[in-house]
Structures are given as C-alpha cells and as structure tokens.
Amino acid sequence: MTDPIAFDDFLKVDIRAGTIVAAEPFPEARKAAFKVTIDFGGEIGIKKSSAQITKHYAPEALVGKQVIAVVNFPPRQIGPFMSQVLTLGVPDETGEVVLLHPSLAVPNGGRMF
C-alpha cells in the first residue's frame, strides 16, 4: 500500500470513460503494445494511447469497447508514438494487463468520481 493522500489530491486526477475507435499493433514499442485511439466525447475529443494489453486482447476486438483512462497527465513519448492518455488496467495473476471498463455503457467523457 502507498502513503495516504488527501481527497483533494485524488480529485486532481481526471479519470474518464471513452470508447476505442481504432487499435493497431505497435511493433516499435519495447514491450508488446497496441496503439489505441479513444473517443472521449466533445469536451476532450479523440486521444491516443499506447497500451500493453496484447496478451488478453486483439486489436479488432478492442474497437467499440469502453475503457477508463487518465486524461490530464502530460503526453508521453513512447518510441515514435505520442501517448496522450493513460489507459487503466490491473495485472492478472501472471502480470498481464486487464483493462478497466464500465460494467454498463456510459457517455464518452463521463468522469469517474
């Protein structure tokens, strides 16, 4: 467990729901990953993310899937690709990432609270 934080610190992290509109292999990444394009709706728009989710997901199966991501971290250069959001997941028993997603459909851009 990490050190406790104030609730106001948690509120600074902007975590939103979005729908994957495109996914493709990212062979230039050091660790196996996909380039994912996510629609967060009108306020945030379309953003790109590098996601190390190749064990449990195929690019074609990701399109249309809703995911949860942090949208207010600074963009991060990953090889030749600029990742604009951090797509969230948790490791399974072998350390492979399993995506976090809403259990029911929600509007794109919906903020977690």
PDB file of N, CA and C in Angstrom:
ATOM      1  N   MET A   1       0.850  -1.183   0.000  1.00  0.00           N
ATOM      2  CA  MET A   1       0.000   0.000   0.000  1.00  0.00           C
ATOM      3  C   MET A   1       0.889   1.237   0.000  1.00  0.00           C
ATOM      4  N   THR A   2       0.437   2.281  -0.663  1.00  0.00           N
ATOM      5  CA  THR A   2       1.187   3.527  -0.707  1.00  0.00           C
ATOM      6  C   THR A   2       0.733   4.449   0.411  1.00  0.00           C
ATOM      7  N   ASP A   3       1.440   5.564   0.562  1.00  0.00           N
ATOM      8  CA  ASP A   3       1.080   6.532   1.588  1.00  0.00           C
ATOM      9  C   ASP A   3      -0.292   7.135   1.296  1.00  0.00           C
ATOM     10  N   PRO A   4      -1.054   7.453   2.334  1.00  0.00           N
ATOM     11  CA  PRO A   4      -2.356   8.093   2.133  1.00  0.00           C
ATOM     12  C   PRO A   4      -2.208   9.464   1.464  1.00  0.00           C
ATOM     13  N   ILE A   5      -3.226   9.832   0.695  1.00  0.00           N
ATOM     14  CA  ILE A   5      -3.276  11.163   0.082  1.00  0.00           C
ATOM     15  C   ILE A   5      -4.571  11.835   0.522  1.00  0.00           C
ATOM     16  N   ALA A   6      -4.597  13.133   0.358  1.00  0.00           N
ATOM     17  CA  ALA A   6      -5.818  13.885   0.650  1.00  0.00           C
ATOM     18  C   ALA A   6      -6.819  13.675  -0.484  1.00  0.00           C
ATOM     19  N   PHE A   7      -8.108  13.738  -0.164  1.00  0.00           N
ATOM     20  CA  PHE A   7      -9.142  13.582  -1.178  1.00  0.00           C
ATOM     21  C   PHE A   7      -8.991  14.622  -2.279  1.00  0.00           C
ATOM     22  N   ASP A   8      -8.574  15.839  -1.930  1.00  0.00           N
ATOM     23  CA  ASP A   8      -8.369  16.891  -2.930  1.00  0.00           C
ATOM     24  C   ASP A   8      -7.292  16.493  -3.936  1.00  0.00           C
ATOM     25  N   ASP A   9      -6.277  15.730  -3.495  1.00  0.00           N
ATOM     26  CA  ASP A   9      -5.253  15.248  -4.431  1.00  0.00           C
ATOM     27  C   ASP A   9      -5.855  14.262  -5.424  1.00  0.00           C
ATOM     28  N   PHE A  10      -6.709  13.382  -4.939  1.00  0.00           N
ATOM     29  CA  PHE A  10      -7.378  12.432  -5.817  1.00  0.00           C
ATOM     30  C   PHE A  10      -8.223  13.166  -6.868  1.00  0.00           C
ATOM     31  N   LEU A  11      -8.897  14.227  -6.454  1.00  0.00           N
ATOM     32  CA  LEU A  11      -9.759  14.971  -7.383  1.00  0.00           C
ATOM     33  C   LEU A  11      -8.979  15.634  -8.514  1.00  0.00           C
ATOM     34  N   LYS A  12      -7.673  15.803  -8.348  1.00  0.00           N
ATOM     35  CA  LYS A  12      -6.844  16.394  -9.403  1.00  0.00           C
ATOM     36  C   LYS A  12      -6.646  15.439 -10.579  1.00  0.00           C
ATOM     37  N   VAL A  13      -6.810  14.148 -10.347  1.00  0.00           N
ATOM     38  CA  VAL A  13      -6.642  13.156 -11.406  1.00  0.00           C
ATOM     39  C   VAL A  13      -7.957  13.056 -12.175  1.00  0.00           C
ATOM     40  N   ASP A  14      -7.911  13.387 -13.452  1.00  0.00           N
ATOM     41  CA  ASP A  14      -9.106  13.399 -14.295  1.00  0.00           C
ATOM     42  C   ASP A  14      -9.233  12.046 -14.995  1.00  0.00           C
ATOM     43  N   ILE A  15     -10.115  11.198 -14.477  1.00  0.00           N
ATOM     44  CA  ILE A  15     -10.300   9.846 -14.989  1.00  0.00           C
ATOM     45  C   ILE A  15     -11.646   9.793 -15.718  1.00  0.00           C
ATOM     46  N   ARG A  16     -11.592   9.421 -16.995  1.00  0.00           N
ATOM     47  CA  ARG A  16     -12.790   9.471 -17.845  1.00  0.00           C
ATOM     48  C   ARG A  16     -13.032   8.153 -18.572  1.00  0.00           C
ATOM     49  N   ALA A  17     -14.266   7.973 -18.995  1.00  0.00           N
ATOM     50  CA  ALA A  17     -14.644   6.842 -19.844  1.00  0.00           C
ATOM     51  C   ALA A  17     -14.566   7.274 -21.298  1.00  0.00           C
ATOM     52  N   GLY A  18     -14.137   6.366 -22.134  1.00  0.00           N
ATOM     53  CA  GLY A  18     -14.099   6.614 -23.568  1.00  0.00           C
ATOM     54  C   GLY A  18     -14.286   5.317 -24.328  1.00  0.00           C
ATOM     55  N   THR A  19     -14.564   5.439 -25.622  1.00  0.00           N
ATOM     56  CA  THR A  19     -14.771   4.276 -26.475  1.00  0.00           C
ATOM     57  C   THR A  19     -13.618   4.168 -27.466  1.00  0.00           C
ATOM     58  N   ILE A  20     -13.042   2.977 -27.553  1.00  0.00           N
ATOM     59  CA  ILE A  20     -11.961   2.734 -28.515  1.00  0.00           C
ATOM     60  C   ILE A  20     -12.550   2.752 -29.921  1.00  0.00           C
ATOM     61  N   VAL A  21     -11.979   3.606 -30.785  1.00  0.00           N
ATOM     62  CA  VAL A  21     -12.446   3.707 -32.170  1.00  0.00           C
ATOM     63  C   VAL A  21     -11.455   3.098 -33.154  1.00  0.00           C
ATOM     64  N   ALA A  22     -10.220   2.854 -32.710  1.00  0.00           N
ATOM     65  CA  ALA A  22      -9.215   2.210 -33.551  1.00  0.00           C
ATOM     66  C   ALA A  22      -8.145   1.601 -32.654  1.00  0.00           C
ATOM     67  N   ALA A  23      -7.584   0.482 -33.118  1.00  0.00           N
ATOM     68  CA  ALA A  23      -6.489  -0.171 -32.398  1.00  0.00           C
ATOM     69  C   ALA A  23      -5.619  -0.877 -33.430  1.00  0.00           C
ATOM     70  N   GLU A  24      -4.317  -0.761 -33.241  1.00  0.00           N
ATOM     71  CA  GLU A  24      -3.392  -1.406 -34.175  1.00  0.00           C
ATOM     72  C   GLU A  24      -2.128  -1.819 -33.436  1.00  0.00           C
ATOM     73  N   PRO A  25      -1.411  -2.800 -33.977  1.00  0.00           N
ATOM     74  CA  PRO A  25      -0.159  -3.212 -33.346  1.00  0.00           C
ATOM     75  C   PRO A  25       0.834  -2.056 -33.284  1.00  0.00           C
ATOM     76  N   PHE A  26       1.722  -2.098 -32.314  1.00  0.00           N
ATOM     77  CA  PHE A  26       2.757  -1.086 -32.120  1.00  0.00           C
ATOM     78  C   PHE A  26       4.104  -1.822 -32.054  1.00  0.00           C
ATOM     79  N   PRO A  27       4.598  -2.284 -33.214  1.00  0.00           N
ATOM     80  CA  PRO A  27       5.811  -3.112 -33.229  1.00  0.00           C
ATOM     81  C   PRO A  27       7.067  -2.377 -32.750  1.00  0.00           C
ATOM     82  N   GLU A  28       7.069  -1.050 -32.787  1.00  0.00           N
ATOM     83  CA  GLU A  28       8.252  -0.290 -32.359  1.00  0.00           C
ATOM     84  C   GLU A  28       8.374  -0.192 -30.842  1.00  0.00           C
ATOM     85  N   ALA A  29       7.338  -0.544 -30.105  1.00  0.00           N
ATOM     86  CA  ALA A  29       7.376  -0.458 -28.644  1.00  0.00           C
ATOM     87  C   ALA A  29       8.351  -1.498 -28.087  1.00  0.00           C
ATOM     88  N   ARG A  30       9.027  -1.148 -26.981  1.00  0.00           N
ATOM     89  CA  ARG A  30       9.949  -2.091 -26.337  1.00  0.00           C
ATOM     90  C   ARG A  30       9.219  -3.312 -25.794  1.00  0.00           C
ATOM     91  N   LYS A  31       8.064  -3.079 -25.143  1.00  0.00           N
ATOM     92  CA  LYS A  31       7.209  -4.165 -24.666  1.00  0.00           C
ATOM     93  C   LYS A  31       6.002  -4.232 -25.585  1.00  0.00           C
ATOM     94  N   ALA A  32       5.505  -5.439 -25.816  1.00  0.00           N
ATOM     95  CA  ALA A  32       4.369  -5.622 -26.726  1.00  0.00           C
ATOM     96  C   ALA A  32       3.223  -4.687 -26.339  1.00  0.00           C
ATOM     97  N   ALA A  33       2.725  -3.935 -27.332  1.00  0.00           N
ATOM     98  CA  ALA A  33       1.679  -2.935 -27.061  1.00  0.00           C
ATOM     99  C   ALA A  33       0.850  -2.705 -28.320  1.00  0.00           C
ATOM    100  N   PHE A  34      -0.277  -2.035 -28.116  1.00  0.00           N
ATOM    101  CA  PHE A  34      -1.111  -1.556 -29.217  1.00  0.00           C
ATOM    102  C   PHE A  34      -1.169  -0.039 -29.161  1.00  0.00           C
ATOM    103  N   LYS A  35      -1.341   0.578 -30.340  1.00  0.00           N
ATOM    104  CA  LYS A  35      -1.703   1.989 -30.426  1.00  0.00           C
ATOM    105  C   LYS A  35      -3.231   2.024 -30.438  1.00  0.00           C
ATOM    106  N   VAL A  36      -3.801   2.725 -29.472  1.00  0.00           N
ATOM    107  CA  VAL A  36      -5.251   2.753 -29.316  1.00  0.00           C
ATOM    108  C   VAL A  36      -5.736   4.186 -29.459  1.00  0.00           C
ATOM    109  N   THR A  37      -6.795   4.385 -30.226  1.00  0.00           N
ATOM    110  CA  THR A  37      -7.428   5.694 -30.384  1.00  0.00           C
ATOM    111  C   THR A  37      -8.765   5.632 -29.656  1.00  0.00           C
ATOM    112  N   ILE A  38      -8.969   6.613 -28.742  1.00  0.00           N
ATOM    113  CA  ILE A  38     -10.138   6.582 -27.860  1.00  0.00           C
ATOM    114  C   ILE A  38     -10.937   7.876 -28.010  1.00  0.00           C
ATOM    115  N   ASP A  39     -12.260   7.732 -28.152  1.00  0.00           N
ATOM    116  CA  ASP A  39     -13.159   8.881 -28.243  1.00  0.00           C
ATOM    117  C   ASP A  39     -13.706   9.182 -26.842  1.00  0.00           C
ATOM    118  N   PHE A  40     -13.340  10.377 -26.317  1.00  0.00           N
ATOM    119  CA  PHE A  40     -13.809  10.812 -25.011  1.00  0.00           C
ATOM    120  C   PHE A  40     -14.929  11.834 -25.107  1.00  0.00           C
ATOM    121  N   GLY A  41     -15.546  11.976 -26.262  1.00  0.00           N
ATOM    122  CA  GLY A  41     -16.661  12.904 -26.404  1.00  0.00           C
ATOM    123  C   GLY A  41     -16.210  14.323 -26.687  1.00  0.00           C
ATOM    124  N   GLY A  42     -17.197  15.224 -26.764  1.00  0.00           N
ATOM    125  CA  GLY A  42     -16.971  16.595 -27.208  1.00  0.00           C
ATOM    126  C   GLY A  42     -15.975  17.409 -26.418  1.00  0.00           C
ATOM    127  N   GLU A  43     -16.020  17.354 -25.102  1.00  0.00           N
ATOM    128  CA  GLU A  43     -15.142  18.199 -24.275  1.00  0.00           C
ATOM    129  C   GLU A  43     -13.668  17.831 -24.434  1.00  0.00           C
ATOM    130  N   ILE A  44     -13.364  16.545 -24.524  1.00  0.00           N
ATOM    131  CA  ILE A  44     -11.977  16.082 -24.573  1.00  0.00           C
ATOM    132  C   ILE A  44     -11.584  15.663 -25.976  1.00  0.00           C
ATOM    133  N   GLY A  45     -12.493  15.033 -26.686  1.00  0.00           N
ATOM    134  CA  GLY A  45     -12.239  14.631 -28.060  1.00  0.00           C
ATOM    135  C   GLY A  45     -11.548  13.284 -28.183  1.00  0.00           C
ATOM    136  N   ILE A  46     -10.868  13.110 -29.301  1.00  0.00           N
ATOM    137  CA  ILE A  46     -10.170  11.870 -29.630  1.00  0.00           C
ATOM    138  C   ILE A  46      -8.741  11.961 -29.103  1.00  0.00           C
ATOM    139  N   LYS A  47      -8.310  10.926 -28.392  1.00  0.00           N
ATOM    140  CA  LYS A  47      -6.942  10.869 -27.850  1.00  0.00           C
ATOM    141  C   LYS A  47      -6.339   9.515 -28.171  1.00  0.00           C
ATOM    142  N   LYS A  48      -5.002   9.478 -28.162  1.00  0.00           N
ATOM    143  CA  LYS A  48      -4.273   8.241 -28.457  1.00  0.00           C
ATOM    144  C   LYS A  48      -3.542   7.756 -27.221  1.00  0.00           C
ATOM    145  N   SER A  49      -3.389   6.435 -27.150  1.00  0.00           N
ATOM    146  CA  SER A  49      -2.720   5.824 -26.008  1.00  0.00           C
ATOM    147  C   SER A  49      -1.937   4.604 -26.474  1.00  0.00           C
ATOM    148  N   SER A  50      -0.790   4.383 -25.867  1.00  0.00           N
ATOM    149  CA  SER A  50      -0.071   3.130 -26.036  1.00  0.00           C
ATOM    150  C   SER A  50      -0.485   2.238 -24.878  1.00  0.00           C
ATOM    151  N   ALA A  51      -0.946   1.032 -25.182  1.00  0.00           N
ATOM    152  CA  ALA A  51      -1.449   0.149 -24.139  1.00  0.00           C
ATOM    153  C   ALA A  51      -0.812  -1.235 -24.266  1.00  0.00           C
ATOM    154  N   GLN A  52      -0.212  -1.694 -23.184  1.00  0.00           N
ATOM    155  CA  GLN A  52       0.428  -3.015 -23.145  1.00  0.00           C
ATOM    156  C   GLN A  52      -0.625  -4.062 -22.770  1.00  0.00           C
ATOM    157  N   ILE A  53      -1.501  -4.342 -23.723  1.00  0.00           N
ATOM    158  CA  ILE A  53      -2.658  -5.209 -23.472  1.00  0.00           C
ATOM    159  C   ILE A  53      -2.734  -6.340 -24.486  1.00  0.00           C
ATOM    160  N   THR A  54      -1.610  -6.734 -25.043  1.00  0.00           N
ATOM    161  CA  THR A  54      -1.602  -7.696 -26.151  1.00  0.00           C
ATOM    162  C   THR A  54      -1.911  -9.128 -25.729  1.00  0.00           C
ATOM    163  N   LYS A  55      -1.764  -9.472 -24.481  1.00  0.00           N
ATOM    164  CA  LYS A  55      -1.996 -10.848 -24.021  1.00  0.00           C
ATOM    165  C   LYS A  55      -3.480 -11.225 -24.072  1.00  0.00           C
ATOM    166  N   HIS A  56      -4.355 -10.348 -23.610  1.00  0.00           N
ATOM    167  CA  HIS A  56      -5.764 -10.683 -23.483  1.00  0.00           C
ATOM    168  C   HIS A  56      -6.659 -10.085 -24.569  1.00  0.00           C
ATOM    169  N   TYR A  57      -6.108  -9.229 -25.426  1.00  0.00           N
ATOM    170  CA  TYR A  57      -6.945  -8.517 -26.391  1.00  0.00           C
ATOM    171  C   TYR A  57      -6.327  -8.563 -27.792  1.00  0.00           C
ATOM    172  N   ALA A  58      -7.182  -8.532 -28.800  1.00  0.00           N
ATOM    173  CA  ALA A  58      -6.779  -8.385 -30.199  1.00  0.00           C
ATOM    174  C   ALA A  58      -7.267  -7.017 -30.667  1.00  0.00           C
ATOM    175  N   PRO A  59      -6.517  -6.357 -31.552  1.00  0.00           N
ATOM    176  CA  PRO A  59      -6.917  -5.008 -31.981  1.00  0.00           C
ATOM    177  C   PRO A  59      -8.363  -4.933 -32.478  1.00  0.00           C
ATOM    178  N   GLU A  60      -8.781  -5.880 -33.296  1.00  0.00           N
ATOM    179  CA  GLU A  60     -10.142  -5.818 -33.860  1.00  0.00           C
ATOM    180  C   GLU A  60     -11.215  -5.998 -32.787  1.00  0.00           C
ATOM    181  N   ALA A  61     -10.907  -6.706 -31.714  1.00  0.00           N
ATOM    182  CA  ALA A  61     -11.876  -6.909 -30.634  1.00  0.00           C
ATOM    183  C   ALA A  61     -11.978  -5.689 -29.717  1.00  0.00           C
ATOM    184  N   LEU A  62     -10.985  -4.802 -29.774  1.00  0.00           N
ATOM    185  CA  LEU A  62     -10.991  -3.614 -28.912  1.00  0.00           C
ATOM    186  C   LEU A  62     -11.915  -2.520 -29.432  1.00  0.00           C
ATOM    187  N   VAL A  63     -12.096  -2.439 -30.737  1.00  0.00           N
ATOM    188  CA  VAL A  63     -12.908  -1.377 -31.327  1.00  0.00           C
ATOM    189  C   VAL A  63     -14.344  -1.496 -30.808  1.00  0.00           C
ATOM    190  N   GLY A  64     -14.848  -0.385 -30.265  1.00  0.00           N
ATOM    191  CA  GLY A  64     -16.183  -0.334 -29.694  1.00  0.00           C
ATOM    192  C   GLY A  64     -16.202  -0.585 -28.191  1.00  0.00           C
ATOM    193  N   LYS A  65     -15.086  -1.017 -27.615  1.00  0.00           N
ATOM    194  CA  LYS A  65     -15.014  -1.299 -26.184  1.00  0.00           C
ATOM    195  C   LYS A  65     -14.805   0.000 -25.409  1.00  0.00           C
ATOM    196  N   GLN A  66     -15.553   0.167 -24.332  1.00  0.00           N
ATOM    197  CA  GLN A  66     -15.341   1.332 -23.464  1.00  0.00           C
ATOM    198  C   GLN A  66     -14.222   1.020 -22.466  1.00  0.00           C
ATOM    199  N   VAL A  67     -13.406   2.024 -22.205  1.00  0.00           N
ATOM    200  CA  VAL A  67     -12.287   1.904 -21.278  1.00  0.00           C
ATOM    201  C   VAL A  67     -12.259   3.112 -20.356  1.00  0.00           C
ATOM    202  N   ILE A  68     -11.414   3.027 -19.353  1.00  0.00           N
ATOM    203  CA  ILE A  68     -11.206   4.098 -18.391  1.00  0.00           C
ATOM    204  C   ILE A  68      -9.774   4.585 -18.545  1.00  0.00           C
ATOM    205  N   ALA A  69      -9.576   5.905 -18.545  1.00  0.00           N
ATOM    206  CA  ALA A  69      -8.233   6.450 -18.739  1.00  0.00           C
ATOM    207  C   ALA A  69      -8.052   7.754 -17.969  1.00  0.00           C
ATOM    208  N   VAL A  70      -6.801   8.033 -17.612  1.00  0.00           N
ATOM    209  CA  VAL A  70      -6.431   9.327 -17.047  1.00  0.00           C
ATOM    210  C   VAL A  70      -6.164  10.251 -18.231  1.00  0.00           C
ATOM    211  N   VAL A  71      -6.869  11.380 -18.272  1.00  0.00           N
ATOM    212  CA  VAL A  71      -6.767  12.267 -19.436  1.00  0.00           C
ATOM    213  C   VAL A  71      -5.980  13.549 -19.156  1.00  0.00           C
ATOM    214  N   ASN A  72      -5.508  13.746 -17.913  1.00  0.00           N
ATOM    215  CA  ASN A  72      -4.808  15.006 -17.643  1.00  0.00           C
ATOM    216  C   ASN A  72      -3.342  14.832 -17.242  1.00  0.00           C
ATOM    217  N   PHE A  73      -2.742  13.679 -17.562  1.00  0.00           N
ATOM    218  CA  PHE A  73      -1.288  13.561 -17.453  1.00  0.00           C
ATOM    219  C   PHE A  73      -0.681  14.211 -18.686  1.00  0.00           C
ATOM    220  N   PRO A  74       0.557  14.701 -18.591  1.00  0.00           N
ATOM    221  CA  PRO A  74       1.201  15.229 -19.801  1.00  0.00           C
ATOM    222  C   PRO A  74       1.405  14.107 -20.830  1.00  0.00           C
ATOM    223  N   PRO A  75       1.371  14.431 -22.115  1.00  0.00           N
ATOM    224  CA  PRO A  75       1.646  13.411 -23.134  1.00  0.00           C
ATOM    225  C   PRO A  75       3.023  12.798 -22.899  1.00  0.00           C
ATOM    226  N   ARG A  76       3.158  11.521 -23.301  1.00  0.00           N
ATOM    227  CA  ARG A  76       4.418  10.814 -23.081  1.00  0.00           C
ATOM    228  C   ARG A  76       4.881  10.190 -24.400  1.00  0.00           C
ATOM    229  N   GLN A  77       6.107  10.482 -24.759  1.00  0.00           N
ATOM    230  CA  GLN A  77       6.684   9.929 -25.984  1.00  0.00           C
ATOM    231  C   GLN A  77       7.091   8.478 -25.728  1.00  0.00           C
ATOM    232  N   ILE A  78       6.552   7.566 -26.521  1.00  0.00           N
ATOM    233  CA  ILE A  78       6.905   6.155 -26.419  1.00  0.00           C
ATOM    234  C   ILE A  78       7.402   5.737 -27.799  1.00  0.00           C
ATOM    235  N   GLY A  79       8.714   5.692 -27.943  1.00  0.00           N
ATOM    236  CA  GLY A  79       9.298   5.447 -29.267  1.00  0.00           C
ATOM    237  C   GLY A  79       8.854   6.546 -30.208  1.00  0.00           C
ATOM    238  N   PRO A  80       8.357   6.172 -31.393  1.00  0.00           N
ATOM    239  CA  PRO A  80       7.912   7.181 -32.355  1.00  0.00           C
ATOM    240  C   PRO A  80       6.475   7.663 -32.126  1.00  0.00           C
ATOM    241  N   PHE A  81       5.856   7.240 -31.039  1.00  0.00           N
ATOM    242  CA  PHE A  81       4.428   7.480 -30.807  1.00  0.00           C
ATOM    243  C   PHE A  81       4.234   8.374 -29.582  1.00  0.00           C
ATOM    244  N   MET A  82       3.315   9.346 -29.681  1.00  0.00           N
ATOM    245  CA  MET A  82       2.991  10.217 -28.550  1.00  0.00           C
ATOM    246  C   MET A  82       1.702   9.703 -27.898  1.00  0.00           C
ATOM    247  N   SER A  83       1.834   9.182 -26.678  1.00  0.00           N
ATOM    248  CA  SER A  83       0.686   8.692 -25.926  1.00  0.00           C
ATOM    249  C   SER A  83       0.094   9.864 -25.152  1.00  0.00           C
ATOM    250  N   GLN A  84      -1.182  10.172 -25.387  1.00  0.00           N
ATOM    251  CA  GLN A  84      -1.822  11.358 -24.820  1.00  0.00           C
ATOM    252  C   GLN A  84      -2.601  11.082 -23.544  1.00  0.00           C
ATOM    253  N   VAL A  85      -2.999   9.829 -23.316  1.00  0.00           N
ATOM    254  CA  VAL A  85      -3.750   9.455 -22.118  1.00  0.00           C
ATOM    255  C   VAL A  85      -3.200   8.139 -21.585  1.00  0.00           C
ATOM    256  N   LEU A  86      -3.464   7.868 -20.310  1.00  0.00           N
ATOM    257  CA  LEU A  86      -3.053   6.616 -19.693  1.00  0.00           C
ATOM    258  C   LEU A  86      -4.285   5.718 -19.551  1.00  0.00           C
ATOM    259  N   THR A  87      -4.346   4.684 -20.376  1.00  0.00           N
ATOM    260  CA  THR A  87      -5.438   3.724 -20.306  1.00  0.00           C
ATOM    261  C   THR A  87      -5.194   2.833 -19.092  1.00  0.00           C
ATOM    262  N   LEU A  88      -6.230   2.658 -18.266  1.00  0.00           N
ATOM    263  CA  LEU A  88      -6.045   1.983 -16.987  1.00  0.00           C
ATOM    264  C   LEU A  88      -6.398   0.501 -17.045  1.00  0.00           C
ATOM    265  N   GLY A  89      -5.641  -0.276 -16.286  1.00  0.00           N
ATOM    266  CA  GLY A  89      -5.872  -1.699 -16.154  1.00  0.00           C
ATOM    267  C   GLY A  89      -5.213  -2.204 -14.888  1.00  0.00           C
ATOM    268  N   VAL A  90      -5.433  -3.450 -14.582  1.00  0.00           N
ATOM    269  CA  VAL A  90      -4.791  -4.095 -13.442  1.00  0.00           C
ATOM    270  C   VAL A  90      -4.178  -5.403 -13.921  1.00  0.00           C
ATOM    271  N   PRO A  91      -3.094  -5.839 -13.271  1.00  0.00           N
ATOM    272  CA  PRO A  91      -2.457  -7.081 -13.709  1.00  0.00           C
ATOM    273  C   PRO A  91      -3.236  -8.321 -13.261  1.00  0.00           C
ATOM    274  N   ASP A  92      -3.220  -9.329 -14.127  1.00  0.00           N
ATOM    275  CA  ASP A  92      -3.785 -10.619 -13.731  1.00  0.00           C
ATOM    276  C   ASP A  92      -2.737 -11.379 -12.919  1.00  0.00           C
ATOM    277  N   GLU A  93      -2.970 -12.647 -12.654  1.00  0.00           N
ATOM    278  CA  GLU A  93      -2.057 -13.417 -11.819  1.00  0.00           C
ATOM    279  C   GLU A  93      -0.671 -13.606 -12.436  1.00  0.00           C
ATOM    280  N   THR A  94      -0.535 -13.395 -13.750  1.00  0.00           N
ATOM    281  CA  THR A  94       0.771 -13.512 -14.399  1.00  0.00           C
ATOM    282  C   THR A  94       1.393 -12.153 -14.724  1.00  0.00           C
ATOM    283  N   GLY A  95       0.709 -11.063 -14.322  1.00  0.00           N
ATOM    284  CA  GLY A  95       1.237  -9.725 -14.568  1.00  0.00           C
ATOM    285  C   GLY A  95       0.775  -9.085 -15.862  1.00  0.00           C
ATOM    286  N   GLU A  96      -0.081  -9.763 -16.613  1.00  0.00           N
ATOM    287  CA  GLU A  96      -0.595  -9.206 -17.872  1.00  0.00           C
ATOM    288  C   GLU A  96      -1.769  -8.273 -17.574  1.00  0.00           C
ATOM    289  N   VAL A  97      -1.854  -7.174 -18.325  1.00  0.00           N
ATOM    290  CA  VAL A  97      -2.844  -6.132 -18.043  1.00  0.00           C
ATOM    291  C   VAL A  97      -4.246  -6.534 -18.498  1.00  0.00           C
ATOM    292  N   VAL A  98      -5.200  -6.312 -17.592  1.00  0.00           N
ATOM    293  CA  VAL A  98      -6.625  -6.474 -17.874  1.00  0.00           C
ATOM    294  C   VAL A  98      -7.236  -5.082 -17.785  1.00  0.00           C
ATOM    295  N   LEU A  99      -7.891  -4.639 -18.846  1.00  0.00           N
ATOM    296  CA  LEU A  99      -8.444  -3.282 -18.897  1.00  0.00           C
ATOM    297  C   LEU A  99      -9.538  -3.050 -17.866  1.00  0.00           C
ATOM    298  N   LEU A 100      -9.564  -1.830 -17.328  1.00  0.00           N
ATOM    299  CA  LEU A 100     -10.693  -1.386 -16.520  1.00  0.00           C
ATOM    300  C   LEU A 100     -11.735  -0.814 -17.472  1.00  0.00           C
ATOM    301  N   HIS A 101     -13.003  -1.133 -17.224  1.00  0.00           N
ATOM    302  CA  HIS A 101     -14.057  -0.619 -18.094  1.00  0.00           C
ATOM    303  C   HIS A 101     -15.373  -0.571 -17.330  1.00  0.00           C
ATOM    304  N   PRO A 102     -16.295   0.294 -17.771  1.00  0.00           N
ATOM    305  CA  PRO A 102     -17.604   0.352 -17.115  1.00  0.00           C
ATOM    306  C   PRO A 102     -18.347  -0.968 -17.315  1.00  0.00           C
ATOM    307  N   SER A 103     -19.130  -1.369 -16.329  1.00  0.00           N
ATOM    308  CA  SER A 103     -19.911  -2.601 -16.458  1.00  0.00           C
ATOM    309  C   SER A 103     -21.163  -2.390 -17.309  1.00  0.00           C
ATOM    310  N   LEU A 104     -21.580  -1.136 -17.477  1.00  0.00           N
ATOM    311  CA  LEU A 104     -22.678  -0.761 -18.361  1.00  0.00           C
ATOM    312  C   LEU A 104     -22.210   0.371 -19.250  1.00  0.00           C
ATOM    313  N   ALA A 105     -22.850   0.567 -20.392  1.00  0.00           N
ATOM    314  CA  ALA A 105     -22.491   1.668 -21.293  1.00  0.00           C
ATOM    315  C   ALA A 105     -22.708   3.004 -20.595  1.00  0.00           C
ATOM    316  N   VAL A 106     -21.733   3.902 -20.750  1.00  0.00           N
ATOM    317  CA  VAL A 106     -21.817   5.249 -20.193  1.00  0.00           C
ATOM    318  C   VAL A 106     -21.448   6.241 -21.289  1.00  0.00           C
ATOM    319  N   PRO A 107     -21.819   7.517 -21.142  1.00  0.00           N
ATOM    320  CA  PRO A 107     -21.447   8.504 -22.157  1.00  0.00           C
ATOM    321  C   PRO A 107     -19.929   8.675 -22.215  1.00  0.00           C
ATOM    322  N   ASN A 108     -19.419   8.828 -23.427  1.00  0.00           N
ATOM    323  CA  ASN A 108     -17.990   9.126 -23.588  1.00  0.00           C
ATOM    324  C   ASN A 108     -17.679  10.440 -22.892  1.00  0.00           C
ATOM    325  N   GLY A 109     -16.574  10.449 -22.159  1.00  0.00           N
ATOM    326  CA  GLY A 109     -16.174  11.642 -21.425  1.00  0.00           C
ATOM    327  C   GLY A 109     -16.685  11.673 -20.004  1.00  0.00           C
ATOM    328  N   GLY A 110     -17.507  10.697 -19.628  1.00  0.00           N
ATOM    329  CA  GLY A 110     -18.012  10.658 -18.258  1.00  0.00           C
ATOM    330  C   GLY A 110     -16.852  10.564 -17.272  1.00  0.00           C
ATOM    331  N   ARG A 111     -16.884  11.430 -16.252  1.00  0.00           N
ATOM    332  CA  ARG A 111     -15.785  11.485 -15.297  1.00  0.00           C
ATOM    333  C   ARG A 111     -16.046  10.553 -14.122  1.00  0.00           C
ATOM    334  N   MET A 112     -15.013   9.820 -13.741  1.00  0.00           N
ATOM    335  CA  MET A 112     -15.096   8.954 -12.581  1.00  0.00           C
ATOM    336  C   MET A 112     -15.078   9.804 -11.325  1.00  0.00           C
ATOM    337  N   PHE A 113     -15.931   9.465 -10.381  1.00  0.00           N
ATOM    338  CA  PHE A 113     -15.923  10.134  -9.078  1.00  0.00           C
ATOM    339  C   PHE A 113     -16.402   9.183  -8.035  1.00  0.00           C
TER     340      PHE A 113
END
